[in-house]
Amino acid sequence: MRRSAPAIGLVLLLAAPASAGQPEGPHSLFERRARNVVFLVPDGMGLADVTAARIHRGGPGGPPLALETLDFVGYQRTWSADSTVTDSAAAASAWACGEKFENGTVCRRPDGSFPRSLLEIARDGGRRTGLVATATITHATPGAFGAHVADRSCETESARQYVETTGVDVLLGGGLGTFRSPWPDPCGTMGDYVARAETLGYRTAFDRGELGDAVAGGARRVLGLFASGAMSPAEAWTPSSPEPSLPQMAAAALDLLEGNPGGFFLLIEGSQVDWANHANDADAQLAEVLAFDDAVRVVLEWIAAGPARERETLVVVAPDHETGGFAIAGPYGRLPAPGERATPAWTGSEHTGGDVPIWSQGPGAFRLARAIDNTDVYEAVREALH
């Protein structure tokens, strides 16, 4: 598997644009079709977060994080249909459905209509599908790929759509309370969608052991809900925790989805990077970014273990926006040792409107190696899926 430093997008595009007659054989980096897509989202992570995590792990001259070893690097604009500063719902909807949406809406236009999401396109093309998150699995980012609601708070309605309409094969995260809601959400939906999922053939799991049993048993559809609300933060996780970690959920999802001849589409969100930056909590931020990077490493190791996986799997790593205006303010006059934390600084506690990076590799990934809008991600992944 390639592990060279990522190349600069402009050079790559000038050297080998898609229209320049590049060969499109099964071994070509520029092949258009991806059998598998793994889309990983570190919610609210800016480039300085990556630098801080790298310094903490190996010092200023230490090795790159796993996400930094992907072949292509670009950056994306994040504005929404009604705001310079996006929220997660509008940003994820731009990726998932290819249009600008208003903040707070999940892949649904003001007139109530909606386009198919990338996950739905993958499903309709014969691929199996999965959503993984450390927030509630019905939160804004995963919700944009598996549901269409006018208000991101309609999480029980998103749960209903997941199991009754979209038919997402693997759902792993928090949110037992939203799947078993005794009161209506803002869309008026309530009820027990755990029981409903079971009647539709889902195997349920409520702790790490039950998830392992589902994987070992070769379950086709799995609903894993490991907390009533959001899952525990990465700082609090230990090997004895009943909840699976984000890397463990990523590994389980890959095991559950990979046997499908048509391939799969998998969304993995490190949801709580955003929350750490909202709180201006540098220790929590480091823990969340490094846990997310461990999930990226799981994906890359899975790819490296199969001869065909590298040429068949598109990997995209993309924050939806930056949160907190985080910067590295020191230390001055010396270099921090591995394990030491860089001096943090924030400009505030809310989302910011700056561009954010995007890393990628696999079929069609070169399309993301430049300055793009977040809606361009949809086009690149959709092209790779066809």
Protein backbone atom coordinates (compact mmCIF):
# COMPACT_ATOMS: atom_id res chain seq x y z
CA MET A 1 0.00 0.00 0.00
CA ARG A 2 1.41 3.46 -0.89
CA ARG A 3 2.70 5.48 2.04
CA SER A 4 4.55 8.30 0.30
CA ALA A 5 3.94 11.88 1.34
CA PRO A 6 0.77 13.38 -0.15
CA ALA A 7 1.35 15.33 -3.33
CA ILE A 8 0.18 18.87 -3.96
CA GLY A 9 -3.16 18.90 -5.73
CA LEU A 10 -2.26 21.48 -8.37
CA VAL A 11 0.77 19.50 -9.49
CA LEU A 12 -1.26 16.32 -9.67
CA LEU A 13 -3.97 17.92 -11.76
CA LEU A 14 -1.51 19.51 -14.15
CA ALA A 15 0.41 16.27 -14.46
CA ALA A 16 -2.52 13.91 -14.96
CA PRO A 17 -5.98 15.43 -15.43
CA ALA A 18 -8.86 13.05 -16.13
CA SER A 19 -9.23 14.53 -19.61
CA ALA A 20 -5.59 13.99 -20.56
CA GLY A 21 -6.05 10.44 -21.71
CA GLN A 22 -5.00 8.75 -18.51
CA PRO A 23 -5.48 4.97 -18.75
CA GLU A 24 -8.47 3.69 -16.83
CA GLY A 25 -7.54 0.06 -16.33
CA PRO A 26 -8.27 -1.86 -13.12
CA HIS A 27 -4.90 -0.85 -11.61
CA SER A 28 -5.04 2.83 -12.51
CA LEU A 29 -5.02 5.46 -9.79
CA PHE A 30 -7.38 7.42 -12.03
CA GLU A 31 -9.96 4.66 -12.42
CA ARG A 32 -13.43 6.16 -12.16
CA ARG A 33 -15.35 3.47 -10.31
CA ALA A 34 -15.02 2.65 -6.62
CA ARG A 35 -16.44 -0.61 -5.30
CA ASN A 36 -16.19 0.71 -1.72
CA VAL A 37 -16.34 4.20 -0.24
CA VAL A 38 -15.23 5.01 3.31
CA PHE A 39 -16.02 8.61 4.28
CA LEU A 40 -14.48 9.67 7.61
CA VAL A 41 -15.49 12.93 9.31
CA PRO A 42 -13.63 14.55 12.23
CA ASP A 43 -16.42 16.97 13.10
CA GLY A 44 -15.20 20.51 13.83
CA MET A 45 -11.51 19.76 13.22
CA GLY A 46 -9.20 22.38 11.72
CA LEU A 47 -5.67 21.92 10.41
CA ALA A 48 -4.16 23.22 13.65
CA ASP A 49 -5.90 20.36 15.49
CA VAL A 50 -3.95 17.94 13.30
CA THR A 51 -0.69 19.73 14.05
CA ALA A 52 -1.37 19.66 17.79
CA ALA A 53 -2.14 15.94 17.72
CA ARG A 54 1.00 15.19 15.71
CA ILE A 55 3.15 17.20 18.15
CA HIS A 56 1.60 15.41 21.11
CA ARG A 57 2.12 11.98 19.58
CA GLY A 58 5.69 12.38 18.29
CA GLY A 59 6.97 15.91 18.84
CA PRO A 60 7.23 18.65 16.19
CA GLY A 61 9.37 16.44 13.93
CA GLY A 62 7.42 13.28 14.59
CA PRO A 63 5.78 10.99 12.03
CA PRO A 64 2.57 12.00 10.28
CA LEU A 65 -0.82 10.97 11.55
CA ALA A 66 -2.53 8.18 9.64
CA LEU A 67 -4.85 10.63 7.91
CA GLU A 68 -1.84 12.60 6.65
CA THR A 69 -0.54 9.57 4.74
CA LEU A 70 -3.40 9.58 2.24
CA ASP A 71 -2.33 10.29 -1.32
CA PHE A 72 -4.14 13.57 -2.04
CA VAL A 73 -4.73 16.80 -0.12
CA GLY A 74 -7.06 19.67 -0.96
CA TYR A 75 -9.23 22.15 0.88
CA GLN A 76 -12.92 23.01 0.82
CA ARG A 77 -15.19 25.99 1.33
CA THR A 78 -17.96 25.39 3.85
CA TRP A 79 -20.55 28.21 3.63
CA SER A 80 -24.20 27.16 3.77
CA ALA A 81 -27.28 28.37 1.89
CA ASP A 82 -28.05 30.98 4.55
CA SER A 83 -24.83 31.59 6.48
CA THR A 84 -21.12 32.27 6.03
CA VAL A 85 -20.59 29.96 9.00
CA THR A 86 -22.15 26.55 8.51
CA ASP A 87 -23.50 24.09 11.02
CA SER A 88 -22.94 20.35 10.78
CA ALA A 89 -26.36 19.68 9.26
CA ALA A 90 -25.87 21.97 6.27
CA ALA A 91 -22.23 20.97 5.78
CA ALA A 92 -22.91 17.24 5.84
CA SER A 93 -25.95 17.74 3.60
CA ALA A 94 -23.74 19.52 1.04
CA TRP A 95 -21.53 16.42 0.92
CA ALA A 96 -24.34 13.89 1.05
CA CYS A 97 -26.79 15.54 -1.35
CA GLY A 98 -24.68 17.89 -3.46
CA GLU A 99 -26.47 21.18 -2.80
CA LYS A 100 -26.28 24.09 -0.39
CA PHE A 101 -28.84 23.73 2.41
CA GLU A 102 -29.86 26.07 5.20
CA ASN A 103 -28.32 25.62 8.61
CA GLY A 104 -30.31 23.17 10.71
CA THR A 105 -31.76 21.21 7.80
CA VAL A 106 -30.76 17.67 6.85
CA CYS A 107 -30.76 17.07 3.08
CA ARG A 108 -34.19 18.63 2.68
CA ARG A 109 -35.09 21.70 0.62
CA PRO A 110 -37.45 24.47 1.88
CA ASP A 111 -40.25 23.14 -0.36
CA GLY A 112 -39.97 19.68 1.23
CA SER A 113 -38.32 17.98 -1.73
CA PHE A 114 -34.93 16.33 -1.52
CA PRO A 115 -32.30 14.66 -3.73
CA ARG A 116 -30.95 11.19 -3.12
CA SER A 117 -27.95 11.08 -0.83
CA LEU A 118 -24.66 9.39 -1.66
CA LEU A 119 -25.62 6.57 0.70
CA GLU A 120 -28.90 6.08 -1.15
CA ILE A 121 -27.12 6.15 -4.50
CA ALA A 122 -24.70 3.51 -3.22
CA ARG A 123 -27.58 1.39 -1.89
CA ASP A 124 -29.46 1.63 -5.18
CA GLY A 125 -26.31 0.50 -6.97
CA GLY A 126 -26.19 -2.74 -4.97
CA ARG A 127 -23.82 -1.69 -2.20
CA ARG A 128 -24.39 -2.30 1.49
CA THR A 129 -24.34 0.78 3.72
CA GLY A 130 -23.25 1.82 7.20
CA LEU A 131 -23.19 4.78 9.57
CA VAL A 132 -20.89 5.05 12.61
CA ALA A 133 -20.70 7.99 15.05
CA THR A 134 -19.74 8.79 18.63
CA ALA A 135 -22.68 11.19 18.96
CA THR A 136 -26.20 9.84 18.61
CA ILE A 137 -26.24 7.93 15.35
CA THR A 138 -29.15 10.17 14.27
CA HIS A 139 -27.10 13.35 14.81
CA ALA A 140 -26.68 15.92 12.03
CA THR A 141 -23.69 14.44 10.18
CA PRO A 142 -24.77 10.79 9.90
CA GLY A 143 -28.37 11.98 9.53
CA ALA A 144 -27.55 13.79 6.30
CA PHE A 145 -26.52 10.53 4.65
CA GLY A 146 -29.45 8.40 5.84
CA ALA A 147 -32.44 10.72 6.31
CA HIS A 148 -34.22 13.83 5.01
CA VAL A 149 -35.66 16.11 7.71
CA ALA A 150 -36.42 19.81 7.94
CA ASP A 151 -35.02 20.12 11.47
CA ARG A 152 -31.85 18.40 12.67
CA SER A 153 -33.57 17.89 16.04
CA CYS A 154 -35.98 15.40 14.41
CA GLU A 155 -33.74 12.54 15.49
CA THR A 156 -36.49 10.00 16.11
CA GLU A 157 -37.83 10.67 12.62
CA SER A 158 -34.29 10.08 11.32
CA ALA A 159 -34.22 6.79 13.23
CA ARG A 160 -37.52 5.81 11.64
CA GLN A 161 -36.22 6.64 8.17
CA TYR A 162 -33.00 4.70 8.74
CA VAL A 163 -34.81 1.43 9.44
CA GLU A 164 -38.07 1.82 7.51
CA THR A 165 -37.13 3.86 4.43
CA THR A 166 -33.41 4.04 3.78
CA GLY A 167 -32.60 0.61 5.16
CA VAL A 168 -29.09 1.37 6.40
CA ASP A 169 -27.47 -2.03 7.00
CA VAL A 170 -25.12 -1.14 9.87
CA LEU A 171 -25.83 1.55 12.46
CA LEU A 172 -23.33 1.97 15.31
CA GLY A 173 -23.22 4.79 17.86
CA GLY A 174 -25.19 6.43 20.62
CA GLY A 175 -28.88 7.24 20.58
CA LEU A 176 -30.90 4.50 22.26
CA GLY A 177 -33.12 7.26 23.66
CA THR A 178 -33.93 8.61 20.21
CA PHE A 179 -34.80 5.13 18.92
CA ARG A 180 -37.08 4.54 21.92
CA SER A 181 -38.71 7.92 22.37
CA PRO A 182 -41.92 8.16 24.45
CA TRP A 183 -42.53 11.73 23.28
CA PRO A 184 -42.62 13.26 19.78
CA ASP A 185 -39.62 15.02 18.26
CA PRO A 186 -40.13 18.33 16.36
CA CYS A 187 -41.33 16.31 13.35
CA GLY A 188 -43.97 14.60 15.49
CA THR A 189 -42.32 11.16 15.42
CA MET A 190 -42.16 8.93 18.50
CA GLY A 191 -42.12 5.22 19.23
CA ASP A 192 -39.86 2.20 19.63
CA TYR A 193 -37.71 1.87 16.51
CA VAL A 194 -35.44 -0.67 18.17
CA ALA A 195 -38.35 -3.11 18.20
CA ARG A 196 -39.28 -2.02 14.69
CA ALA A 197 -35.72 -2.66 13.50
CA GLU A 198 -35.78 -6.14 15.01
CA THR A 199 -38.96 -6.97 13.09
CA LEU A 200 -37.17 -5.84 9.91
CA GLY A 201 -34.27 -8.22 10.46
CA TYR A 202 -31.76 -6.12 12.37
CA ARG A 203 -29.65 -7.75 15.06
CA THR A 204 -29.37 -5.37 18.02
CA ALA A 205 -26.31 -4.77 20.20
CA PHE A 206 -26.08 -2.62 23.32
CA ASP A 207 -22.48 -3.12 24.42
CA ARG A 208 -19.09 -4.06 23.04
CA GLY A 209 -19.55 -7.77 23.69
CA GLU A 210 -22.86 -7.93 21.86
CA LEU A 211 -21.32 -6.09 18.91
CA GLY A 212 -18.54 -8.66 18.80
CA ASP A 213 -21.12 -11.44 18.85
CA ALA A 214 -22.97 -9.84 15.92
CA VAL A 215 -19.75 -9.64 13.91
CA ALA A 216 -18.76 -13.22 14.77
CA GLY A 217 -22.26 -14.41 13.85
CA GLY A 218 -22.08 -12.81 10.40
CA ALA A 219 -25.14 -10.62 10.94
CA ARG A 220 -26.34 -8.90 7.79
CA ARG A 221 -28.03 -5.96 9.51
CA VAL A 222 -26.90 -4.58 12.87
CA LEU A 223 -28.29 -1.79 15.04
CA GLY A 224 -25.72 -1.04 17.74
CA LEU A 225 -26.79 1.59 20.27
CA PHE A 226 -24.26 1.91 23.08
CA ALA A 227 -25.59 4.89 25.08
CA SER A 228 -28.92 6.60 25.63
CA GLY A 229 -27.53 9.81 24.17
CA ALA A 230 -24.02 10.45 22.93
CA MET A 231 -21.30 7.93 23.65
CA SER A 232 -18.62 8.58 26.27
CA PRO A 233 -15.80 10.93 25.24
CA ALA A 234 -12.50 9.42 24.12
CA GLU A 235 -10.77 10.63 27.29
CA ALA A 236 -13.07 8.45 29.40
CA TRP A 237 -12.73 5.26 27.35
CA THR A 238 -10.68 2.35 28.76
CA PRO A 239 -10.18 -1.24 27.57
CA SER A 240 -12.73 -2.33 30.18
CA SER A 241 -15.41 0.12 29.00
CA PRO A 242 -18.68 -1.54 27.94
CA GLU A 243 -18.92 0.84 25.00
CA PRO A 244 -16.80 0.13 21.93
CA SER A 245 -14.29 2.80 20.96
CA LEU A 246 -14.52 4.59 17.62
CA PRO A 247 -11.70 2.45 16.12
CA GLN A 248 -13.46 -0.69 17.34
CA MET A 249 -16.75 0.40 15.77
CA ALA A 250 -14.90 1.17 12.53
CA ALA A 251 -13.37 -2.31 12.50
CA ALA A 252 -16.72 -3.93 13.27
CA ALA A 253 -18.47 -2.01 10.49
CA LEU A 254 -15.83 -3.06 7.96
CA ASP A 255 -16.18 -6.69 9.03
CA LEU A 256 -19.96 -6.52 8.73
CA LEU A 257 -20.03 -4.81 5.34
CA GLU A 258 -17.10 -6.25 3.42
CA GLY A 259 -18.64 -9.54 2.30
CA ASN A 260 -21.03 -7.94 -0.18
CA PRO A 261 -20.03 -8.61 -3.82
CA GLY A 262 -21.27 -5.16 -4.82
CA GLY A 263 -19.17 -3.32 -2.24
CA PHE A 264 -20.25 -0.85 0.43
CA PHE A 265 -20.58 2.78 1.51
CA LEU A 266 -19.50 3.58 5.08
CA LEU A 267 -19.62 6.90 6.95
CA ILE A 268 -17.53 7.13 10.15
CA GLU A 269 -17.75 10.27 12.30
CA GLY A 270 -15.52 11.31 15.16
CA SER A 271 -18.33 13.49 16.46
CA GLN A 272 -16.78 14.89 19.61
CA VAL A 273 -13.76 16.74 18.20
CA ASP A 274 -16.32 19.49 17.66
CA TRP A 275 -17.52 19.40 21.26
CA ALA A 276 -13.98 19.58 22.64
CA ASN A 277 -13.32 22.69 20.56
CA HIS A 278 -16.65 24.23 21.58
CA ALA A 279 -15.48 23.79 25.19
CA ASN A 280 -11.94 25.07 24.41
CA ASP A 281 -10.69 21.87 26.05
CA ALA A 282 -7.25 21.03 24.64
CA ASP A 283 -6.92 17.68 26.42
CA ALA A 284 -10.30 16.51 25.14
CA GLN A 285 -9.45 17.74 21.65
CA LEU A 286 -6.23 15.73 21.56
CA ALA A 287 -7.99 12.60 22.77
CA GLU A 288 -10.75 12.93 20.17
CA VAL A 289 -8.43 13.70 17.24
CA LEU A 290 -6.12 10.81 18.11
CA ALA A 291 -9.05 8.40 18.55
CA PHE A 292 -10.36 9.52 15.17
CA ASP A 293 -6.93 9.03 13.63
CA ASP A 294 -6.82 5.52 15.08
CA ALA A 295 -10.09 4.85 13.23
CA VAL A 296 -8.44 6.10 10.01
CA ARG A 297 -5.55 3.73 10.73
CA VAL A 298 -8.02 0.83 11.09
CA VAL A 299 -9.41 1.63 7.64
CA LEU A 300 -5.96 1.90 6.05
CA GLU A 301 -4.84 -1.38 7.62
CA TRP A 302 -8.02 -3.05 6.35
CA ILE A 303 -7.20 -1.77 2.86
CA ALA A 304 -3.60 -2.96 3.09
CA ALA A 305 -4.74 -6.47 4.06
CA GLY A 306 -6.51 -7.13 0.75
CA PRO A 307 -4.74 -7.04 -2.63
CA ALA A 308 -7.70 -5.51 -4.48
CA ARG A 309 -8.88 -3.12 -1.79
CA GLU A 310 -6.55 -0.23 -2.55
CA ARG A 311 -7.61 0.07 -6.18
CA GLU A 312 -11.29 -0.53 -5.30
CA THR A 313 -11.73 1.69 -2.22
CA LEU A 314 -12.16 5.45 -2.19
CA VAL A 315 -11.22 6.93 1.21
CA VAL A 316 -12.20 10.52 2.05
CA VAL A 317 -11.24 12.25 5.31
CA ALA A 318 -12.95 15.62 5.68
CA PRO A 319 -13.91 17.92 8.55
CA ASP A 320 -17.29 19.60 8.02
CA HIS A 321 -16.08 22.94 9.45
CA GLU A 322 -13.65 24.26 12.05
CA THR A 323 -14.76 25.02 15.60
CA GLY A 324 -13.33 27.50 18.09
CA GLY A 325 -10.69 29.13 15.90
CA PHE A 326 -8.06 26.87 17.49
CA ALA A 327 -4.39 27.81 17.09
CA ILE A 328 -1.04 26.65 18.46
CA ALA A 329 0.41 29.50 20.52
CA GLY A 330 3.62 27.86 21.71
CA PRO A 331 5.77 26.94 23.42
CA TYR A 332 8.27 29.59 22.30
CA GLY A 333 12.00 29.12 22.67
CA ARG A 334 11.97 25.33 22.93
CA LEU A 335 10.50 22.25 21.28
CA PRO A 336 7.90 20.16 23.12
CA ALA A 337 8.74 16.52 23.75
CA PRO A 338 6.52 13.65 22.57
CA GLY A 339 3.60 13.35 24.96
CA GLU A 340 3.67 17.06 25.76
CA ARG A 341 0.81 19.31 24.74
CA ALA A 342 1.37 22.37 22.57
CA THR A 343 0.14 25.65 24.02
CA PRO A 344 -3.47 26.09 22.86
CA ALA A 345 -5.40 29.23 21.94
CA TRP A 346 -8.93 29.82 20.65
CA THR A 347 -10.67 32.81 19.12
CA GLY A 348 -14.07 31.75 20.51
CA SER A 349 -16.30 28.78 21.22
CA GLU A 350 -18.42 28.55 18.07
CA HIS A 351 -17.98 27.31 14.52
CA THR A 352 -15.82 29.38 12.20
CA GLY A 353 -16.17 30.01 8.48
CA GLY A 354 -12.67 29.26 7.24
CA ASP A 355 -11.82 26.64 4.65
CA VAL A 356 -10.93 23.18 5.97
CA PRO A 357 -8.64 20.45 4.58
CA ILE A 358 -9.65 17.25 2.85
CA TRP A 359 -7.49 14.14 2.44
CA SER A 360 -8.29 11.28 0.04
CA GLN A 361 -7.02 8.27 -1.86
CA GLY A 362 -8.39 5.66 -4.22
CA PRO A 363 -10.54 5.78 -7.37
CA GLY A 364 -11.42 9.35 -8.28
CA ALA A 365 -9.65 10.87 -5.28
CA PHE A 366 -7.56 13.18 -7.48
CA ARG A 367 -10.73 15.25 -8.04
CA LEU A 368 -10.51 16.37 -4.41
CA ALA A 369 -6.85 17.44 -4.58
CA ARG A 370 -7.50 21.14 -5.15
CA ALA A 371 -9.51 24.09 -3.85
CA ILE A 372 -13.15 22.97 -3.94
CA ASP A 373 -16.57 23.71 -2.52
CA ASN A 374 -18.02 21.14 -0.12
CA THR A 375 -20.70 20.35 -2.73
CA ASP A 376 -17.90 19.21 -5.08
CA VAL A 377 -17.24 16.31 -2.72
CA TYR A 378 -20.65 14.92 -3.62
CA GLU A 379 -19.86 15.10 -7.33
CA ALA A 380 -16.50 13.39 -6.94
CA VAL A 381 -17.87 10.54 -4.83
CA ARG A 382 -20.94 10.14 -7.05
CA GLU A 383 -18.68 9.85 -10.09
CA ALA A 384 -16.61 7.21 -8.32
CA LEU A 385 -19.72 5.21 -7.42
CA HIS A 386 -20.89 4.96 -11.05
